Amino acid sequence: MSSQLRNFQQARRESGLTSKTVADAAGVSIGEEYTFEIGGVVNKAIKEKVVQAFARLTGHPYTLGNFEHEYIEEQETVALRKLSPAPLLPPGAKTDGRKHLH
């Protein structure tokens, strides 16, 4: 099995492990494991726990870098924008305290 894989779900399926087995070993809920597995938004601590547990279970030296994709970071940004009541400003942007940007 290659150490550079397309996604975590593919790697887990190829290993023969179940989502529940990985979730239990990681100490996270099966929902959190599966959300990470399909590329959903979960916090980095959960991602790290899942990957570390998967590495222990398979005996392969996996890291989050083997499974982290740009689209995951983009999804997190989109989710943050949906949750934020105010627009997200680029670094260094200034406002006058009102809702309108300059």
PDB file of N, CA and C in Angstrom:
ATOM      1  N   MET A   1       0.852  -1.182   0.000  1.00  0.00           N
ATOM      2  CA  MET A   1       0.000   0.000   0.000  1.00  0.00           C
ATOM      3  C   MET A   1       0.891   1.237   0.000  1.00  0.00           C
ATOM      4  N   SER A   2       0.585   2.190  -0.817  1.00  0.00           N
ATOM      5  CA  SER A   2       1.374   3.423  -0.933  1.00  0.00           C
ATOM      6  C   SER A   2       1.155   4.309   0.284  1.00  0.00           C
ATOM      7  N   SER A   3       2.209   5.078   0.652  1.00  0.00           N
ATOM      8  CA  SER A   3       2.049   5.998   1.781  1.00  0.00           C
ATOM      9  C   SER A   3       1.379   7.302   1.329  1.00  0.00           C
ATOM     10  N   GLN A   4       1.286   7.536   0.026  1.00  0.00           N
ATOM     11  CA  GLN A   4       0.581   8.706  -0.500  1.00  0.00           C
ATOM     12  C   GLN A   4      -0.727   8.220  -1.112  1.00  0.00           C
ATOM     13  N   LEU A   5      -1.830   8.462  -0.446  1.00  0.00           N
ATOM     14  CA  LEU A   5      -3.122   7.956  -0.888  1.00  0.00           C
ATOM     15  C   LEU A   5      -4.066   9.086  -1.234  1.00  0.00           C
ATOM     16  N   ARG A   6      -5.053   8.771  -2.041  1.00  0.00           N
ATOM     17  CA  ARG A   6      -6.014   9.788  -2.469  1.00  0.00           C
ATOM     18  C   ARG A   6      -6.827  10.323  -1.291  1.00  0.00           C
ATOM     19  N   ASN A   7      -7.304   9.432  -0.436  1.00  0.00           N
ATOM     20  CA  ASN A   7      -8.085   9.888   0.711  1.00  0.00           C
ATOM     21  C   ASN A   7      -8.077   8.842   1.811  1.00  0.00           C
ATOM     22  N   PHE A   8      -8.497   9.260   2.968  1.00  0.00           N
ATOM     23  CA  PHE A   8      -8.453   8.385   4.133  1.00  0.00           C
ATOM     24  C   PHE A   8      -9.399   7.200   3.973  1.00  0.00           C
ATOM     25  N   GLN A   9     -10.584   7.436   3.427  1.00  0.00           N
ATOM     26  CA  GLN A   9     -11.552   6.353   3.276  1.00  0.00           C
ATOM     27  C   GLN A   9     -10.979   5.224   2.421  1.00  0.00           C
ATOM     28  N   GLN A  10     -10.320   5.570   1.348  1.00  0.00           N
ATOM     29  CA  GLN A  10      -9.687   4.578   0.487  1.00  0.00           C
ATOM     30  C   GLN A  10      -8.653   3.768   1.275  1.00  0.00           C
ATOM     31  N   ALA A  11      -7.824   4.451   2.026  1.00  0.00           N
ATOM     32  CA  ALA A  11      -6.787   3.777   2.807  1.00  0.00           C
ATOM     33  C   ALA A  11      -7.402   2.853   3.851  1.00  0.00           C
ATOM     34  N   ARG A  12      -8.435   3.331   4.541  1.00  0.00           N
ATOM     35  CA  ARG A  12      -9.069   2.507   5.568  1.00  0.00           C
ATOM     36  C   ARG A  12      -9.690   1.259   4.958  1.00  0.00           C
ATOM     37  N   ARG A  13     -10.377   1.421   3.838  1.00  0.00           N
ATOM     38  CA  ARG A  13     -11.009   0.267   3.187  1.00  0.00           C
ATOM     39  C   ARG A  13      -9.960  -0.743   2.726  1.00  0.00           C
ATOM     40  N   GLU A  14      -8.863  -0.240   2.153  1.00  0.00           N
ATOM     41  CA  GLU A  14      -7.795  -1.136   1.692  1.00  0.00           C
ATOM     42  C   GLU A  14      -7.147  -1.891   2.853  1.00  0.00           C
ATOM     43  N   SER A  15      -7.160  -1.280   4.029  1.00  0.00           N
ATOM     44  CA  SER A  15      -6.545  -1.927   5.196  1.00  0.00           C
ATOM     45  C   SER A  15      -7.412  -3.037   5.770  1.00  0.00           C
ATOM     46  N   GLY A  16      -8.708  -3.023   5.448  1.00  0.00           N
ATOM     47  CA  GLY A  16      -9.631  -4.009   6.008  1.00  0.00           C
ATOM     48  C   GLY A  16     -10.203  -3.607   7.359  1.00  0.00           C
ATOM     49  N   LEU A  17      -9.810  -2.441   7.869  1.00  0.00           N
ATOM     50  CA  LEU A  17     -10.330  -1.958   9.155  1.00  0.00           C
ATOM     51  C   LEU A  17     -11.695  -1.303   8.956  1.00  0.00           C
ATOM     52  N   THR A  18     -12.533  -1.378   9.986  1.00  0.00           N
ATOM     53  CA  THR A  18     -13.818  -0.690   9.919  1.00  0.00           C
ATOM     54  C   THR A  18     -13.679   0.720  10.495  1.00  0.00           C
ATOM     55  N   SER A  19     -14.627   1.565  10.147  1.00  0.00           N
ATOM     56  CA  SER A  19     -14.649   2.918  10.705  1.00  0.00           C
ATOM     57  C   SER A  19     -14.755   2.858  12.221  1.00  0.00           C
ATOM     58  N   LYS A  20     -15.563   1.929  12.724  1.00  0.00           N
ATOM     59  CA  LYS A  20     -15.739   1.796  14.174  1.00  0.00           C
ATOM     60  C   LYS A  20     -14.437   1.401  14.857  1.00  0.00           C
ATOM     61  N   THR A  21     -13.689   0.489  14.259  1.00  0.00           N
ATOM     62  CA  THR A  21     -12.412   0.073  14.833  1.00  0.00           C
ATOM     63  C   THR A  21     -11.458   1.255  14.946  1.00  0.00           C
ATOM     64  N   VAL A  22     -11.380   2.046  13.889  1.00  0.00           N
ATOM     65  CA  VAL A  22     -10.492   3.212  13.893  1.00  0.00           C
ATOM     66  C   VAL A  22     -10.980   4.245  14.895  1.00  0.00           C
ATOM     67  N   ALA A  23     -12.286   4.498  14.906  1.00  0.00           N
ATOM     68  CA  ALA A  23     -12.851   5.479  15.844  1.00  0.00           C
ATOM     69  C   ALA A  23     -12.582   5.070  17.291  1.00  0.00           C
ATOM     70  N   ASP A  24     -12.815   3.803  17.597  1.00  0.00           N
ATOM     71  CA  ASP A  24     -12.579   3.308  18.963  1.00  0.00           C
ATOM     72  C   ASP A  24     -11.113   3.463  19.356  1.00  0.00           C
ATOM     73  N   ALA A  25     -10.212   3.122  18.443  1.00  0.00           N
ATOM     74  CA  ALA A  25      -8.775   3.229  18.731  1.00  0.00           C
ATOM     75  C   ALA A  25      -8.349   4.685  18.892  1.00  0.00           C
ATOM     76  N   ALA A  26      -9.041   5.585  18.194  1.00  0.00           N
ATOM     77  CA  ALA A  26      -8.713   7.009  18.266  1.00  0.00           C
ATOM     78  C   ALA A  26      -9.361   7.703  19.455  1.00  0.00           C
ATOM     79  N   GLY A  27     -10.355   7.067  20.041  1.00  0.00           N
ATOM     80  CA  GLY A  27     -11.067   7.690  21.154  1.00  0.00           C
ATOM     81  C   GLY A  27     -12.005   8.797  20.698  1.00  0.00           C
ATOM     82  N   VAL A  28     -12.540   8.652  19.477  1.00  0.00           N
ATOM     83  CA  VAL A  28     -13.485   9.633  18.939  1.00  0.00           C
ATOM     84  C   VAL A  28     -14.762   8.891  18.564  1.00  0.00           C
ATOM     85  N   SER A  29     -15.828   9.629  18.322  1.00  0.00           N
ATOM     86  CA  SER A  29     -17.079   8.988  17.921  1.00  0.00           C
ATOM     87  C   SER A  29     -16.957   8.484  16.486  1.00  0.00           C
ATOM     88  N   ILE A  30     -17.785   7.507  16.160  1.00  0.00           N
ATOM     89  CA  ILE A  30     -17.768   7.004  14.793  1.00  0.00           C
ATOM     90  C   ILE A  30     -18.201   8.103  13.817  1.00  0.00           C
ATOM     91  N   GLY A  31     -19.074   8.995  14.263  1.00  0.00           N
ATOM     92  CA  GLY A  31     -19.495  10.121  13.424  1.00  0.00           C
ATOM     93  C   GLY A  31     -18.341  11.062  13.107  1.00  0.00           C
ATOM     94  N   GLU A  32     -17.503  11.330  14.112  1.00  0.00           N
ATOM     95  CA  GLU A  32     -16.338  12.197  13.879  1.00  0.00           C
ATOM     96  C   GLU A  32     -15.346  11.520  12.931  1.00  0.00           C
ATOM     97  N   GLU A  33     -15.121  10.213  13.149  1.00  0.00           N
ATOM     98  CA  GLU A  33     -14.198   9.476  12.276  1.00  0.00           C
ATOM     99  C   GLU A  33     -14.728   9.491  10.850  1.00  0.00           C
ATOM    100  N   TYR A  34     -16.007   9.197  10.686  1.00  0.00           N
ATOM    101  CA  TYR A  34     -16.578   9.112   9.340  1.00  0.00           C
ATOM    102  C   TYR A  34     -16.612  10.483   8.659  1.00  0.00           C
ATOM    103  N   THR A  35     -16.888  11.524   9.410  1.00  0.00           N
ATOM    104  CA  THR A  35     -16.878  12.867   8.834  1.00  0.00           C
ATOM    105  C   THR A  35     -15.499  13.195   8.281  1.00  0.00           C
ATOM    106  N   PHE A  36     -14.448  12.878   9.035  1.00  0.00           N
ATOM    107  CA  PHE A  36     -13.089  13.065   8.524  1.00  0.00           C
ATOM    108  C   PHE A  36     -12.857  12.185   7.298  1.00  0.00           C
ATOM    109  N   GLU A  37     -13.315  10.946   7.385  1.00  0.00           N
ATOM    110  CA  GLU A  37     -13.096   9.973   6.314  1.00  0.00           C
ATOM    111  C   GLU A  37     -13.657  10.444   4.973  1.00  0.00           C
ATOM    112  N   ILE A  38     -14.790  11.115   4.996  1.00  0.00           N
ATOM    113  CA  ILE A  38     -15.404  11.548   3.737  1.00  0.00           C
ATOM    114  C   ILE A  38     -15.011  12.976   3.359  1.00  0.00           C
ATOM    115  N   GLY A  39     -14.088  13.556   4.111  1.00  0.00           N
ATOM    116  CA  GLY A  39     -13.606  14.894   3.771  1.00  0.00           C
ATOM    117  C   GLY A  39     -14.437  16.015   4.350  1.00  0.00           C
ATOM    118  N   GLY A  40     -15.245  15.706   5.374  1.00  0.00           N
ATOM    119  CA  GLY A  40     -16.045  16.732   6.023  1.00  0.00           C
ATOM    120  C   GLY A  40     -15.219  17.563   6.982  1.00  0.00           C
ATOM    121  N   VAL A  41     -15.868  18.516   7.599  1.00  0.00           N
ATOM    122  CA  VAL A  41     -15.190  19.446   8.489  1.00  0.00           C
ATOM    123  C   VAL A  41     -15.152  18.891   9.915  1.00  0.00           C
ATOM    124  N   VAL A  42     -13.944  18.612  10.381  1.00  0.00           N
ATOM    125  CA  VAL A  42     -13.701  18.244  11.779  1.00  0.00           C
ATOM    126  C   VAL A  42     -12.454  18.992  12.230  1.00  0.00           C
ATOM    127  N   ASN A  43     -12.322  19.210  13.511  1.00  0.00           N
ATOM    128  CA  ASN A  43     -11.163  19.978  13.969  1.00  0.00           C
ATOM    129  C   ASN A  43      -9.882  19.158  13.836  1.00  0.00           C
ATOM    130  N   LYS A  44      -8.784  19.869  13.831  1.00  0.00           N
ATOM    131  CA  LYS A  44      -7.484  19.238  13.575  1.00  0.00           C
ATOM    132  C   LYS A  44      -7.129  18.198  14.628  1.00  0.00           C
ATOM    133  N   ALA A  45      -7.514  18.414  15.870  1.00  0.00           N
ATOM    134  CA  ALA A  45      -7.199  17.447  16.929  1.00  0.00           C
ATOM    135  C   ALA A  45      -7.844  16.092  16.634  1.00  0.00           C
ATOM    136  N   ILE A  46      -9.070  16.105  16.147  1.00  0.00           N
ATOM    137  CA  ILE A  46      -9.750  14.850  15.806  1.00  0.00           C
ATOM    138  C   ILE A  46      -9.066  14.201  14.610  1.00  0.00           C
ATOM    139  N   LYS A  47      -8.723  14.992  13.611  1.00  0.00           N
ATOM    140  CA  LYS A  47      -8.010  14.457  12.439  1.00  0.00           C
ATOM    141  C   LYS A  47      -6.731  13.758  12.876  1.00  0.00           C
ATOM    142  N   GLU A  48      -5.982  14.419  13.742  1.00  0.00           N
ATOM    143  CA  GLU A  48      -4.711  13.853  14.216  1.00  0.00           C
ATOM    144  C   GLU A  48      -4.939  12.551  14.977  1.00  0.00           C
ATOM    145  N   LYS A  49      -5.939  12.524  15.852  1.00  0.00           N
ATOM    146  CA  LYS A  49      -6.229  11.305  16.619  1.00  0.00           C
ATOM    147  C   LYS A  49      -6.576  10.145  15.697  1.00  0.00           C
ATOM    148  N   VAL A  50      -7.401  10.414  14.697  1.00  0.00           N
ATOM    149  CA  VAL A  50      -7.827   9.364  13.767  1.00  0.00           C
ATOM    150  C   VAL A  50      -6.633   8.824  12.981  1.00  0.00           C
ATOM    151  N   VAL A  51      -5.822   9.716  12.459  1.00  0.00           N
ATOM    152  CA  VAL A  51      -4.672   9.283  11.659  1.00  0.00           C
ATOM    153  C   VAL A  51      -3.644   8.547  12.528  1.00  0.00           C
ATOM    154  N   GLN A  52      -3.413   9.036  13.734  1.00  0.00           N
ATOM    155  CA  GLN A  52      -2.465   8.360  14.625  1.00  0.00           C
ATOM    156  C   GLN A  52      -2.959   6.954  14.987  1.00  0.00           C
ATOM    157  N   ALA A  53      -4.256   6.817  15.243  1.00  0.00           N
ATOM    158  CA  ALA A  53      -4.813   5.498  15.545  1.00  0.00           C
ATOM    159  C   ALA A  53      -4.701   4.581  14.326  1.00  0.00           C
ATOM    160  N   PHE A  54      -4.984   5.115  13.157  1.00  0.00           N
ATOM    161  CA  PHE A  54      -4.882   4.327  11.932  1.00  0.00           C
ATOM    162  C   PHE A  54      -3.443   3.858  11.719  1.00  0.00           C
ATOM    163  N   ALA A  55      -2.503   4.733  11.981  1.00  0.00           N
ATOM    164  CA  ALA A  55      -1.088   4.371  11.840  1.00  0.00           C
ATOM    165  C   ALA A  55      -0.721   3.240  12.808  1.00  0.00           C
ATOM    166  N   ARG A  56      -1.180   3.348  14.066  1.00  0.00           N
ATOM    167  CA  ARG A  56      -0.905   2.291  15.050  1.00  0.00           C
ATOM    168  C   ARG A  56      -1.519   0.965  14.614  1.00  0.00           C
ATOM    169  N   LEU A  57      -2.766   1.026  14.149  1.00  0.00           N
ATOM    170  CA  LEU A  57      -3.478  -0.200  13.779  1.00  0.00           C
ATOM    171  C   LEU A  57      -2.886  -0.882  12.546  1.00  0.00           C
ATOM    172  N   THR A  58      -2.386  -0.102  11.616  1.00  0.00           N
ATOM    173  CA  THR A  58      -1.855  -0.669  10.372  1.00  0.00           C
ATOM    174  C   THR A  58      -0.361  -0.933  10.428  1.00  0.00           C
ATOM    175  N   GLY A  59       0.321  -0.256  11.363  1.00  0.00           N
ATOM    176  CA  GLY A  59       1.768  -0.388  11.432  1.00  0.00           C
ATOM    177  C   GLY A  59       2.503   0.443  10.388  1.00  0.00           C
ATOM    178  N   HIS A  60       1.786   1.330   9.712  1.00  0.00           N
ATOM    179  CA  HIS A  60       2.393   2.218   8.712  1.00  0.00           C
ATOM    180  C   HIS A  60       2.592   3.605   9.332  1.00  0.00           C
ATOM    181  N   PRO A  61       3.647   4.305   8.947  1.00  0.00           N
ATOM    182  CA  PRO A  61       3.948   5.620   9.540  1.00  0.00           C
ATOM    183  C   PRO A  61       3.140   6.766   8.920  1.00  0.00           C
ATOM    184  N   TYR A  62       1.808   6.653   8.954  1.00  0.00           N
ATOM    185  CA  TYR A  62       0.966   7.696   8.381  1.00  0.00           C
ATOM    186  C   TYR A  62       0.985   8.955   9.243  1.00  0.00           C
ATOM    187  N   THR A  63       0.829  10.086   8.578  1.00  0.00           N
ATOM    188  CA  THR A  63       0.632  11.374   9.256  1.00  0.00           C
ATOM    189  C   THR A  63      -0.544  12.047   8.582  1.00  0.00           C
ATOM    190  N   LEU A  64      -1.013  13.111   9.177  1.00  0.00           N
ATOM    191  CA  LEU A  64      -2.127  13.850   8.590  1.00  0.00           C
ATOM    192  C   LEU A  64      -1.781  14.319   7.181  1.00  0.00           C
ATOM    193  N   GLY A  65      -0.515  14.602   6.941  1.00  0.00           N
ATOM    194  CA  GLY A  65      -0.081  15.039   5.617  1.00  0.00           C
ATOM    195  C   GLY A  65      -0.347  14.030   4.514  1.00  0.00           C
ATOM    196  N   ASN A  66      -0.484  12.751   4.866  1.00  0.00           N
ATOM    197  CA  ASN A  66      -0.804  11.738   3.861  1.00  0.00           C
ATOM    198  C   ASN A  66      -2.247  11.852   3.365  1.00  0.00           C
ATOM    199  N   PHE A  67      -3.096  12.486   4.160  1.00  0.00           N
ATOM    200  CA  PHE A  67      -4.524  12.507   3.841  1.00  0.00           C
ATOM    201  C   PHE A  67      -5.119  13.904   3.715  1.00  0.00           C
ATOM    202  N   GLU A  68      -4.399  14.907   4.156  1.00  0.00           N
ATOM    203  CA  GLU A  68      -4.912  16.279   4.137  1.00  0.00           C
ATOM    204  C   GLU A  68      -4.907  16.782   2.696  1.00  0.00           C
ATOM    205  N   HIS A  69      -6.022  17.311   2.268  1.00  0.00           N
ATOM    206  CA  HIS A  69      -6.146  17.842   0.912  1.00  0.00           C
ATOM    207  C   HIS A  69      -6.604  19.294   0.977  1.00  0.00           C
ATOM    208  N   GLU A  70      -6.265  20.043  -0.033  1.00  0.00           N
ATOM    209  CA  GLU A  70      -6.648  21.459  -0.060  1.00  0.00           C
ATOM    210  C   GLU A  70      -8.156  21.626   0.049  1.00  0.00           C
ATOM    211  N   TYR A  71      -8.932  20.716  -0.550  1.00  0.00           N
ATOM    212  CA  TYR A  71     -10.378  20.885  -0.524  1.00  0.00           C
ATOM    213  C   TYR A  71     -10.930  20.834   0.893  1.00  0.00           C
ATOM    214  N   ILE A  72     -10.272  20.121   1.791  1.00  0.00           N
ATOM    215  CA  ILE A  72     -10.732  20.073   3.177  1.00  0.00           C
ATOM    216  C   ILE A  72     -10.590  21.457   3.809  1.00  0.00           C
ATOM    217  N   GLU A  73      -9.445  22.103   3.582  1.00  0.00           N
ATOM    218  CA  GLU A  73      -9.240  23.445   4.121  1.00  0.00           C
ATOM    219  C   GLU A  73     -10.244  24.423   3.526  1.00  0.00           C
ATOM    220  N   GLU A  74     -10.556  24.270   2.234  1.00  0.00           N
ATOM    221  CA  GLU A  74     -11.543  25.141   1.606  1.00  0.00           C
ATOM    222  C   GLU A  74     -12.909  24.934   2.235  1.00  0.00           C
ATOM    223  N   GLN A  75     -13.284  23.677   2.533  1.00  0.00           N
ATOM    224  CA  GLN A  75     -14.569  23.400   3.164  1.00  0.00           C
ATOM    225  C   GLN A  75     -14.644  24.034   4.545  1.00  0.00           C
ATOM    226  N   GLU A  76     -13.529  24.001   5.290  1.00  0.00           N
ATOM    227  CA  GLU A  76     -13.507  24.617   6.616  1.00  0.00           C
ATOM    228  C   GLU A  76     -13.726  26.118   6.500  1.00  0.00           C
ATOM    229  N   THR A  77     -13.119  26.759   5.505  1.00  0.00           N
ATOM    230  CA  THR A  77     -13.286  28.194   5.298  1.00  0.00           C
ATOM    231  C   THR A  77     -14.732  28.519   4.960  1.00  0.00           C
ATOM    232  N   VAL A  78     -15.333  27.721   4.083  1.00  0.00           N
ATOM    233  CA  VAL A  78     -16.735  27.939   3.712  1.00  0.00           C
ATOM    234  C   VAL A  78     -17.625  27.784   4.942  1.00  0.00           C
ATOM    235  N   ALA A  79     -17.372  26.764   5.756  1.00  0.00           N
ATOM    236  CA  ALA A  79     -18.172  26.552   6.960  1.00  0.00           C
ATOM    237  C   ALA A  79     -18.029  27.722   7.923  1.00  0.00           C
ATOM    238  N   LEU A  80     -16.816  28.241   8.088  1.00  0.00           N
ATOM    239  CA  LEU A  80     -16.601  29.389   8.968  1.00  0.00           C
ATOM    240  C   LEU A  80     -17.341  30.615   8.451  1.00  0.00           C
ATOM    241  N   ARG A  81     -17.336  30.808   7.155  1.00  0.00           N
ATOM    242  CA  ARG A  81     -18.056  31.957   6.581  1.00  0.00           C
ATOM    243  C   ARG A  81     -19.548  31.853   6.860  1.00  0.00           C
ATOM    244  N   LYS A  82     -20.094  30.641   6.802  1.00  0.00           N
ATOM    245  CA  LYS A  82     -21.521  30.446   7.059  1.00  0.00           C
ATOM    246  C   LYS A  82     -21.854  30.718   8.522  1.00  0.00           C
ATOM    247  N   LEU A  83     -20.923  30.404   9.426  1.00  0.00           N
ATOM    248  CA  LEU A  83     -21.162  30.585  10.854  1.00  0.00           C
ATOM    249  C   LEU A  83     -20.920  32.014  11.323  1.00  0.00           C
ATOM    250  N   SER A  84     -20.111  32.750  10.601  1.00  0.00           N
ATOM    251  CA  SER A  84     -19.713  34.083  11.026  1.00  0.00           C
ATOM    252  C   SER A  84     -20.809  35.103  10.723  1.00  0.00           C
ATOM    253  N   PRO A  85     -21.240  35.884  11.728  1.00  0.00           N
ATOM    254  CA  PRO A  85     -22.256  36.913  11.474  1.00  0.00           C
ATOM    255  C   PRO A  85     -21.677  38.098  10.703  1.00  0.00           C
ATOM    256  N   ALA A  86     -20.393  38.255  10.710  1.00  0.00           N
ATOM    257  CA  ALA A  86     -19.743  39.362  10.009  1.00  0.00           C
ATOM    258  C   ALA A  86     -18.847  38.783   8.920  1.00  0.00           C
ATOM    259  N   PRO A  87     -18.558  39.569   7.903  1.00  0.00           N
ATOM    260  CA  PRO A  87     -17.664  39.065   6.862  1.00  0.00           C
ATOM    261  C   PRO A  87     -16.276  38.803   7.418  1.00  0.00           C
ATOM    262  N   LEU A  88     -15.624  37.799   6.872  1.00  0.00           N
ATOM    263  CA  LEU A  88     -14.248  37.522   7.259  1.00  0.00           C
ATOM    264  C   LEU A  88     -13.349  38.476   6.502  1.00  0.00           C
ATOM    265  N   LEU A  89     -12.523  39.179   7.215  1.00  0.00           N
ATOM    266  CA  LEU A  89     -11.666  40.185   6.604  1.00  0.00           C
ATOM    267  C   LEU A  89     -10.280  39.630   6.336  1.00  0.00           C
ATOM    268  N   PRO A  90      -9.664  40.078   5.262  1.00  0.00           N
ATOM    269  CA  PRO A  90      -8.286  39.663   5.024  1.00  0.00           C
ATOM    270  C   PRO A  90      -7.375  40.289   6.074  1.00  0.00           C
ATOM    271  N   PRO A  91      -6.198  39.702   6.308  1.00  0.00           N
ATOM    272  CA  PRO A  91      -5.274  40.279   7.286  1.00  0.00           C
ATOM    273  C   PRO A  91      -4.960  41.733   6.955  1.00  0.00           C
ATOM    274  N   GLY A  92      -4.987  42.585   7.959  1.00  0.00           N
ATOM    275  CA  GLY A  92      -4.656  43.996   7.776  1.00  0.00           C
ATOM    276  C   GLY A  92      -5.820  44.862   7.344  1.00  0.00           C
ATOM    277  N   ALA A  93      -6.991  44.262   7.061  1.00  0.00           N
ATOM    278  CA  ALA A  93      -8.143  45.060   6.634  1.00  0.00           C
ATOM    279  C   ALA A  93      -8.654  45.873   7.816  1.00  0.00           C
ATOM    280  N   LYS A  94      -9.151  47.049   7.530  1.00  0.00           N
ATOM    281  CA  LYS A  94      -9.658  47.925   8.589  1.00  0.00           C
ATOM    282  C   LYS A  94     -11.121  48.252   8.337  1.00  0.00           C
ATOM    283  N   THR A  95     -11.835  48.428   9.428  1.00  0.00           N
ATOM    284  CA  THR A  95     -13.231  48.855   9.334  1.00  0.00           C
ATOM    285  C   THR A  95     -13.392  50.089  10.214  1.00  0.00           C
ATOM    286  N   ASP A  96     -14.511  50.765  10.040  1.00  0.00           N
ATOM    287  CA  ASP A  96     -14.765  51.939  10.869  1.00  0.00           C
ATOM    288  C   ASP A  96     -15.700  51.612  12.030  1.00  0.00           C
ATOM    289  N   GLY A  97     -15.872  50.305  12.319  1.00  0.00           N
ATOM    290  CA  GLY A  97     -16.739  49.906  13.423  1.00  0.00           C
ATOM    291  C   GLY A  97     -18.153  49.631  12.975  1.00  0.00           C
ATOM    292  N   ARG A  98     -18.502  50.035  11.760  1.00  0.00           N
ATOM    293  CA  ARG A  98     -19.822  49.727  11.228  1.00  0.00           C
ATOM    294  C   ARG A  98     -19.738  48.452  10.403  1.00  0.00           C
ATOM    295  N   LYS A  99     -20.864  48.031   9.844  1.00  0.00           N
ATOM    296  CA  LYS A  99     -20.901  46.797   9.090  1.00  0.00           C
ATOM    297  C   LYS A  99     -20.308  46.931   7.689  1.00  0.00           C
ATOM    298  N   HIS A 100     -20.091  48.130   7.231  1.00  0.00           N
ATOM    299  CA  HIS A 100     -19.566  48.316   5.878  1.00  0.00           C
ATOM    300  C   HIS A 100     -18.049  48.341   5.878  1.00  0.00           C
ATOM    301  N   LEU A 101     -17.467  47.751   4.874  1.00  0.00           N
ATOM    302  CA  LEU A 101     -16.018  47.718   4.742  1.00  0.00           C
ATOM    303  C   LEU A 101     -15.547  48.917   3.944  1.00  0.00           C
ATOM    304  N   HIS A 102     -14.336  49.351   4.200  1.00  0.00           N
ATOM    305  CA  HIS A 102     -13.725  50.437   3.435  1.00  0.00           C
ATOM    306  C   HIS A 102     -12.832  49.880   2.385  1.00  0.00           C
TER     307      HIS A 102
END
